[in-house]
Amino acid sequence: LPEVRISDNGPYECHVGIYDRATREKVVLASGNIFLNVMAPPTSISVLAADTPAPFSRYQAQNFTLVCVVSGGKPAPLVYFKRDGEPIEATPLPEPPAGAGSWAPRNLLHRDLDDTKVPKSLAAEGEVGGGQPLATVDPPRGLAAERGPVTEAIPETVVSREFPRWVHVAEPIYYFRHTHAPVSDGTVEARATLTWTLNPQIDNEALFSCEVKHPALSMPMQSEVTLVAPKGPKITMTPTRARVGDTVRILVQGFQNEVFPEPLFTWTRVGSRLLDGSAEHDGKELVLERVPAELNGSMYRCTAQNPLGSTDTHTRLIVFENPNIPRGTEDSNGSLTDHCGFRLVLALTLTVILELT
């Protein structure tokens, strides 16, 4: 077997015999067999975050799970985690809970003991319950051609870095599970999970690595991730000079840092609802179709968050006059009204009739 493959794995037999000339029958004198065990090193390793994207929680402790996926190896490899280069002593979890795809959270206490945060939490609960939003100043109306440049200083990024007093300062308790499943090509896919109660104060910018030992490897294989809260979203707007009736796209193209796990994006309009009437929009991109003049000066907030932190970035929409759309002929949805459209068609018809006569 010059080039052994995984498909060559299995038993092999050798038979030694002679032929009897009188009966022309083969007589087996001896036989032997051997099992060829073919090993293959893992071909890929990756570290993912389970149940993401997920929001940041300032007032309630939440569990966080890293998943290490190793594929292409035979037999199953040995998988373990390290934090900042040091092996993690974890409590093994042999069997997952029934009906759950990942380890269920422990019974964590919901504490709101920080007196500086209680009013905020109560206000947040009031908003969820349908309370009235805080009064804000309406954005200026009118077209950009009729007003001077915007002089208001808008902070580029506001990063949430305050945490309540209940956040644990002790070493976290890690829980580890290792499973493997055969693949149709004869290899084994191994999955290892590491779960603990997240502490954004000490876990932010922590380096976690998943390492793999295998008899077909001369040295361990590893993959690393750094837990990082989002900071400084880079927002672009197209077109850069929006006019009445244009479709405006506001997009988050990246961050000032490498963010892990993937953040959750939420768009809101400061002091009012979005153009489609909704209170918020989820996703990297916010699309405003056929913007009316009333949106000139409106401010939009993008909240990017993951379990490690949250950051807000604001951008202001400036709407310029559109020479193709006469002033006063646009409704709140950014389209011509039926009445004005009828008057325009009637005027054009009368002009054609006069020229013909």
Protein backbone atom coordinates (compact mmCIF):
# COMPACT_ATOMS: atom_id res chain seq x y z
CA LEU A 1 0.00 0.00 0.00
CA PRO A 2 2.19 2.87 -1.21
CA GLU A 3 -0.24 5.65 -0.21
CA VAL A 4 -2.35 4.55 2.72
CA ARG A 5 -5.79 6.14 3.02
CA ILE A 6 -8.45 5.98 5.69
CA SER A 7 -10.47 3.69 3.45
CA ASP A 8 -7.65 1.11 3.74
CA ASN A 9 -8.42 0.73 7.42
CA GLY A 10 -9.61 -2.78 8.31
CA PRO A 11 -8.66 -6.50 8.45
CA TYR A 12 -6.38 -8.21 5.91
CA GLU A 13 -5.97 -11.99 5.42
CA CYS A 14 -3.22 -14.13 3.89
CA HIS A 15 -3.83 -17.77 2.87
CA VAL A 16 -1.08 -20.28 1.99
CA GLY A 17 -2.00 -23.52 0.20
CA ILE A 18 -1.10 -26.12 -2.43
CA TYR A 19 -2.94 -27.88 -5.25
CA ASP A 20 -3.39 -31.64 -5.22
CA ARG A 21 -2.65 -32.85 -8.76
CA ALA A 22 -4.85 -35.89 -8.34
CA THR A 23 -7.99 -34.09 -7.28
CA ARG A 24 -7.05 -30.62 -8.59
CA GLU A 25 -8.35 -29.19 -5.37
CA LYS A 26 -6.67 -26.48 -3.36
CA VAL A 27 -5.60 -27.50 0.09
CA VAL A 28 -5.12 -24.64 2.53
CA LEU A 29 -2.20 -25.32 4.78
CA ALA A 30 -2.16 -22.06 6.79
CA SER A 31 -3.81 -18.67 7.02
CA GLY A 32 -3.27 -15.52 8.95
CA ASN A 33 -4.89 -12.15 9.37
CA ILE A 34 -3.98 -8.72 10.62
CA PHE A 35 -5.90 -5.54 11.26
CA LEU A 36 -4.54 -2.36 9.68
CA ASN A 37 -5.32 0.63 11.86
CA VAL A 38 -4.95 3.81 9.81
CA MET A 39 -4.51 7.07 11.72
CA ALA A 40 -5.15 10.53 10.30
CA PRO A 41 -4.32 13.87 11.93
CA PRO A 42 -7.08 16.48 12.33
CA THR A 43 -7.43 18.77 9.34
CA SER A 44 -9.28 21.71 10.91
CA ILE A 45 -9.88 23.29 14.29
CA SER A 46 -12.08 26.28 15.13
CA VAL A 47 -13.40 28.02 18.23
CA LEU A 48 -16.94 29.44 18.22
CA ALA A 49 -19.20 31.14 20.73
CA ALA A 50 -22.49 29.39 21.42
CA ASP A 51 -25.83 31.23 21.32
CA THR A 52 -24.54 34.34 19.59
CA PRO A 53 -25.13 37.11 18.75
CA ALA A 54 -26.36 37.88 22.25
CA PRO A 55 -26.97 41.16 24.12
CA PHE A 56 -24.94 42.63 26.95
CA SER A 57 -26.48 42.28 30.42
CA ARG A 58 -25.38 44.74 33.09
CA TYR A 59 -27.81 43.66 35.79
CA GLN A 60 -27.96 39.89 35.51
CA ALA A 61 -25.18 37.31 35.41
CA GLN A 62 -25.17 35.14 32.32
CA ASN A 63 -23.39 31.99 31.25
CA PHE A 64 -21.00 31.95 28.31
CA THR A 65 -19.96 28.92 26.26
CA LEU A 66 -17.02 28.40 23.93
CA VAL A 67 -17.25 25.54 21.43
CA CYS A 68 -14.15 23.94 19.91
CA VAL A 69 -14.78 21.88 16.77
CA VAL A 70 -12.05 19.51 15.53
CA SER A 71 -12.63 17.53 12.33
CA GLY A 72 -10.73 15.24 9.98
CA GLY A 73 -8.93 13.15 12.60
CA LYS A 74 -8.86 9.42 13.35
CA PRO A 75 -9.03 8.26 16.07
CA ALA A 76 -10.78 10.90 18.18
CA PRO A 77 -8.33 13.53 19.47
CA LEU A 78 -7.83 14.81 23.00
CA VAL A 79 -9.20 18.36 23.29
CA TYR A 80 -8.64 20.80 26.15
CA PHE A 81 -8.80 24.56 26.80
CA LYS A 82 -6.31 27.11 28.09
CA ARG A 83 -6.77 30.66 29.36
CA ASP A 84 -3.92 33.11 28.81
CA GLY A 85 -1.63 30.15 28.18
CA GLU A 86 -2.54 28.28 31.37
CA PRO A 87 -4.53 25.01 31.38
CA ILE A 88 -8.07 25.35 32.72
CA GLU A 89 -9.21 23.05 35.49
CA ALA A 90 -12.82 22.35 34.60
CA THR A 91 -15.59 20.20 36.03
CA PRO A 92 -16.56 17.54 33.47
CA LEU A 93 -20.14 17.30 32.27
CA PRO A 94 -20.58 13.78 30.85
CA GLU A 95 -24.21 13.98 29.72
CA PRO A 96 -26.09 16.98 28.32
CA PRO A 97 -29.52 17.79 29.75
CA ALA A 98 -32.47 16.16 28.00
CA GLY A 99 -33.92 18.31 25.24
CA ALA A 100 -31.11 20.87 25.34
CA GLY A 101 -28.55 21.44 22.62
CA SER A 102 -26.05 23.02 24.98
CA TRP A 103 -25.43 23.04 28.69
CA ALA A 104 -28.28 24.70 30.58
CA PRO A 105 -27.43 27.75 32.71
CA ARG A 106 -27.08 27.34 36.42
CA ASN A 107 -29.59 28.91 38.77
CA LEU A 108 -28.03 32.35 39.05
CA LEU A 109 -29.33 35.04 41.39
CA HIS A 110 -30.73 38.16 39.78
CA ARG A 111 -29.26 40.89 41.92
CA ASP A 112 -29.72 44.61 41.46
CA LEU A 113 -27.85 45.76 44.53
CA ASP A 114 -25.96 48.67 43.03
CA ASP A 115 -27.91 51.73 44.15
CA THR A 116 -26.49 53.79 41.29
CA LYS A 117 -27.95 51.37 38.78
CA VAL A 118 -31.41 50.72 40.25
CA PRO A 119 -33.09 53.77 38.68
CA LYS A 120 -31.71 52.79 35.29
CA SER A 121 -32.94 49.23 35.58
CA LEU A 122 -36.38 50.39 36.68
CA ALA A 123 -36.51 52.82 33.80
CA ALA A 124 -35.52 50.06 31.40
CA GLU A 125 -38.26 47.80 32.74
CA GLY A 126 -40.75 50.63 32.33
CA GLU A 127 -39.83 51.01 28.69
CA VAL A 128 -40.28 47.31 28.06
CA GLY A 129 -43.65 47.45 29.79
CA GLY A 130 -44.89 50.10 27.41
CA GLY A 131 -44.06 53.24 29.38
CA GLN A 132 -43.75 56.61 27.73
CA PRO A 133 -40.26 57.43 26.42
CA LEU A 134 -38.36 60.35 27.81
CA ALA A 135 -39.09 63.70 26.23
CA THR A 136 -36.46 64.73 23.71
CA VAL A 137 -36.01 67.73 21.51
CA ASP A 138 -37.37 67.18 18.01
CA PRO A 139 -34.79 67.37 15.24
CA PRO A 140 -34.87 70.54 13.16
CA ARG A 141 -37.21 70.53 10.22
CA GLY A 142 -36.73 71.87 6.75
CA LEU A 143 -34.11 71.37 4.06
CA ALA A 144 -30.36 71.55 4.44
CA ALA A 145 -30.19 74.28 1.82
CA GLU A 146 -32.10 76.59 4.16
CA ARG A 147 -29.95 76.10 7.24
CA GLY A 148 -26.35 76.38 8.25
CA PRO A 149 -23.99 73.49 8.91
CA VAL A 150 -24.60 71.30 11.93
CA THR A 151 -22.46 72.52 14.82
CA GLU A 152 -23.65 70.12 17.49
CA ALA A 153 -20.84 67.91 18.78
CA ILE A 154 -21.90 64.29 18.50
CA PRO A 155 -19.76 61.87 20.50
CA GLU A 156 -18.37 59.28 18.13
CA THR A 157 -18.59 56.41 20.57
CA VAL A 158 -20.04 55.96 24.02
CA VAL A 159 -18.80 52.70 25.54
CA SER A 160 -20.62 51.10 28.46
CA ARG A 161 -17.97 50.16 30.99
CA GLU A 162 -19.91 50.32 34.26
CA PHE A 163 -20.80 47.14 36.08
CA PRO A 164 -22.82 46.52 39.26
CA ARG A 165 -21.27 45.47 42.53
CA TRP A 166 -22.58 41.91 42.37
CA VAL A 167 -20.13 40.91 39.64
CA HIS A 168 -17.99 38.11 41.01
CA VAL A 169 -14.31 38.79 41.55
CA ALA A 170 -13.39 35.20 42.46
CA GLU A 171 -11.99 32.69 40.00
CA PRO A 172 -14.84 31.36 37.83
CA ILE A 173 -15.94 27.73 37.89
CA TYR A 174 -15.56 26.16 34.44
CA TYR A 175 -17.63 23.27 33.11
CA PHE A 176 -16.26 21.08 30.32
CA ARG A 177 -17.88 18.58 27.97
CA HIS A 178 -16.22 16.51 25.27
CA THR A 179 -18.14 14.56 22.63
CA HIS A 180 -17.24 12.96 19.32
CA ALA A 181 -19.22 11.55 16.42
CA PRO A 182 -18.15 9.41 13.44
CA VAL A 183 -18.25 10.88 9.95
CA SER A 184 -19.08 9.03 6.74
CA ASP A 185 -15.48 9.23 5.48
CA GLY A 186 -14.21 7.28 8.48
CA THR A 187 -12.93 10.25 10.47
CA VAL A 188 -14.24 11.57 13.77
CA GLU A 189 -15.57 15.03 14.56
CA ALA A 190 -14.82 16.10 18.12
CA ARG A 191 -16.63 18.89 19.96
CA ALA A 192 -15.53 20.35 23.27
CA THR A 193 -17.48 23.01 25.19
CA LEU A 194 -16.30 25.25 28.00
CA THR A 195 -19.00 27.05 30.02
CA TRP A 196 -18.68 29.52 32.89
CA THR A 197 -20.42 32.54 34.42
CA LEU A 198 -19.17 35.51 32.44
CA ASN A 199 -17.54 38.42 34.25
CA PRO A 200 -17.02 41.27 31.75
CA GLN A 201 -14.59 43.03 34.06
CA ILE A 202 -12.03 40.25 34.02
CA ASP A 203 -13.05 38.27 30.92
CA ASN A 204 -12.81 41.19 28.49
CA GLU A 205 -9.61 40.81 26.44
CA ALA A 206 -8.94 37.35 27.91
CA LEU A 207 -7.19 34.92 25.55
CA PHE A 208 -8.73 31.45 25.28
CA SER A 209 -7.13 28.68 23.26
CA CYS A 210 -8.33 25.23 22.27
CA GLU A 211 -5.53 22.68 21.93
CA VAL A 212 -5.63 19.22 20.39
CA LYS A 213 -3.36 16.25 21.01
CA HIS A 214 -3.38 13.37 18.54
CA PRO A 215 -1.06 10.39 17.98
CA ALA A 216 -0.63 11.42 14.34
CA LEU A 217 0.55 14.92 15.35
CA SER A 218 4.12 15.65 16.40
CA MET A 219 2.96 18.70 18.36
CA PRO A 220 -0.44 19.99 19.57
CA MET A 221 -2.72 21.83 17.18
CA GLN A 222 -4.43 24.92 18.54
CA SER A 223 -6.84 27.75 17.76
CA GLU A 224 -7.11 30.99 19.74
CA VAL A 225 -9.77 33.63 20.33
CA THR A 226 -9.72 36.79 22.43
CA LEU A 227 -12.94 37.87 24.10
CA VAL A 228 -13.37 41.55 23.22
CA ALA A 229 -16.28 43.96 23.65
CA PRO A 230 -17.18 46.12 20.62
CA LYS A 231 -15.62 49.55 20.49
CA GLY A 232 -15.79 52.36 17.95
CA PRO A 233 -18.10 51.13 15.16
CA LYS A 234 -17.19 52.53 11.74
CA ILE A 235 -20.36 53.79 10.07
CA THR A 236 -20.74 54.74 6.42
CA MET A 237 -23.71 56.38 4.70
CA THR A 238 -24.60 56.17 1.03
CA PRO A 239 -25.17 58.38 -0.78
CA THR A 240 -22.86 60.76 1.03
CA ARG A 241 -25.06 63.69 -0.06
CA ALA A 242 -28.66 62.53 0.37
CA ARG A 243 -31.44 64.37 -1.41
CA VAL A 244 -35.19 64.24 -0.98
CA GLY A 245 -36.53 60.99 -2.42
CA ASP A 246 -33.21 59.11 -2.24
CA THR A 247 -32.82 55.72 -0.58
CA VAL A 248 -30.24 56.09 2.19
CA ARG A 249 -28.21 53.16 3.51
CA ILE A 250 -26.38 53.43 6.83
CA LEU A 251 -23.96 50.53 7.34
CA VAL A 252 -21.58 49.36 10.08
CA GLN A 253 -18.41 48.32 8.25
CA GLY A 254 -16.24 47.37 11.19
CA PHE A 255 -14.78 48.37 14.54
CA GLN A 256 -11.63 49.92 15.92
CA ASN A 257 -10.76 46.52 17.38
CA GLU A 258 -11.24 42.83 16.65
CA VAL A 259 -14.56 41.90 18.28
CA PHE A 260 -15.43 38.42 19.55
CA PRO A 261 -18.04 37.07 19.76
CA GLU A 262 -20.04 38.57 16.92
CA PRO A 263 -21.99 41.60 18.15
CA LEU A 264 -25.70 42.31 17.95
CA PHE A 265 -26.65 45.53 16.11
CA THR A 266 -29.74 47.63 16.89
CA TRP A 267 -30.73 50.89 15.16
CA THR A 268 -33.01 53.51 16.72
CA ARG A 269 -33.95 57.09 15.91
CA VAL A 270 -33.29 59.58 18.68
CA GLY A 271 -36.52 61.17 19.87
CA SER A 272 -38.82 59.46 17.37
CA ARG A 273 -39.60 56.28 15.48
CA LEU A 274 -37.91 55.06 12.33
CA LEU A 275 -39.22 55.93 8.89
CA ASP A 276 -41.26 52.71 8.65
CA GLY A 277 -42.90 53.39 12.01
CA SER A 278 -40.95 50.77 13.97
CA ALA A 279 -39.16 51.57 17.21
CA GLU A 280 -35.93 49.79 16.29
CA HIS A 281 -34.24 47.78 13.56
CA ASP A 282 -31.85 44.84 13.98
CA GLY A 283 -28.90 44.27 11.66
CA LYS A 284 -25.72 45.88 10.42
CA GLU A 285 -27.54 48.01 7.84
CA LEU A 286 -30.36 50.52 8.19
CA VAL A 287 -32.21 51.36 4.96
CA LEU A 288 -34.32 54.53 4.68
CA GLU A 289 -36.35 54.44 1.47
CA ARG A 290 -37.38 57.68 -0.30
CA VAL A 291 -36.35 59.97 2.54
CA PRO A 292 -38.63 63.01 2.97
CA ALA A 293 -37.50 66.50 3.86
CA GLU A 294 -38.83 66.02 7.39
CA LEU A 295 -35.93 63.66 8.15
CA ASN A 296 -33.38 66.41 7.69
CA GLY A 297 -31.35 66.72 10.88
CA SER A 298 -32.68 63.47 12.36
CA MET A 299 -30.21 61.53 14.46
CA TYR A 300 -29.80 57.75 14.48
CA ARG A 301 -28.21 55.59 17.13
CA CYS A 302 -26.47 52.28 16.43
CA THR A 303 -26.02 50.05 19.48
CA ALA A 304 -23.47 47.27 19.05
CA GLN A 305 -23.27 44.79 21.89
CA ASN A 306 -22.03 41.35 22.80
CA PRO A 307 -21.96 39.63 26.21
CA LEU A 308 -18.79 41.54 27.12
CA GLY A 309 -19.98 45.11 26.57
CA SER A 310 -22.02 47.63 24.62
CA THR A 311 -21.23 50.75 22.62
CA ASP A 312 -23.43 53.46 21.05
CA THR A 313 -22.58 55.49 17.96
CA HIS A 314 -24.69 58.34 16.61
CA THR A 315 -24.96 59.74 13.11
CA ARG A 316 -27.04 62.62 11.77
CA LEU A 317 -28.88 62.54 8.46
CA ILE A 318 -28.68 65.70 6.34
CA VAL A 319 -31.24 65.85 3.53
CA PHE A 320 -30.68 68.31 0.67
CA GLU A 321 -33.16 69.69 -1.83
CA ASN A 322 -33.94 67.64 -4.90
CA PRO A 323 -34.48 69.82 -7.99
CA ASN A 324 -36.52 67.03 -9.57
CA ILE A 325 -39.09 67.18 -6.76
CA PRO A 326 -40.78 70.60 -6.25
CA ARG A 327 -40.98 71.76 -2.67
CA GLY A 328 -44.24 71.03 -0.89
CA THR A 329 -45.17 68.12 -3.18
CA GLU A 330 -43.88 65.40 -0.88
CA ASP A 331 -45.78 63.56 1.81
CA SER A 332 -44.42 62.02 4.96
CA ASN A 333 -43.59 58.79 3.13
CA GLY A 334 -41.35 60.50 0.63
CA SER A 335 -43.70 60.17 -2.40
CA LEU A 336 -45.81 62.66 -4.34
CA THR A 337 -49.39 63.03 -3.16
CA ASP A 338 -52.24 62.07 -5.45
CA HIS A 339 -53.66 65.60 -5.41
CA CYS A 340 -50.42 67.30 -6.40
CA GLY A 341 -49.76 64.64 -9.04
CA PHE A 342 -53.17 65.27 -10.59
CA ARG A 343 -52.52 69.03 -10.70
CA LEU A 344 -49.18 68.46 -12.41
CA VAL A 345 -50.70 66.20 -15.08
CA LEU A 346 -53.53 68.69 -15.66
CA ALA A 347 -51.07 71.55 -16.12
CA LEU A 348 -49.01 69.58 -18.65
CA THR A 349 -52.16 68.62 -20.57
CA LEU A 350 -53.34 72.24 -20.79
CA THR A 351 -49.90 73.30 -22.01
CA VAL A 352 -49.96 70.73 -24.83
CA ILE A 353 -53.49 71.78 -25.86
CA LEU A 354 -52.51 75.46 -25.99
CA GLU A 355 -49.46 74.70 -28.11
CA LEU A 356 -51.55 72.65 -30.54
CA THR A 357 -54.16 75.39 -30.91
